[in-house]
């Protein structure tokens, strides 16, 4: 399963002719490509998948998505590892 994770654009640069951004995922910063969303600006929330911003979303949508992802992590911790998992 693949996940797109929301983050907030904090800086935009150009690298080798590509529009790039530094994106904040709750204190963890990652570089991502903005070529699929050329109208993205600093302060926008975007969904990142394998290093590419694939869509913009509102701050409220980003917070809801992050809360749901955290619930999944909490459930996995409660249930423990899947039987037979290494």
Foldseek 3Di string as FASTA:
>chain_A
DWFWAKWFFADWDADPNFIKTWTDDPNDTDIATAPCPVPDDGGWIFTDTPRYGNGTDDPVVNVVVVVVVVVVVVVCVVVDDDPPDD
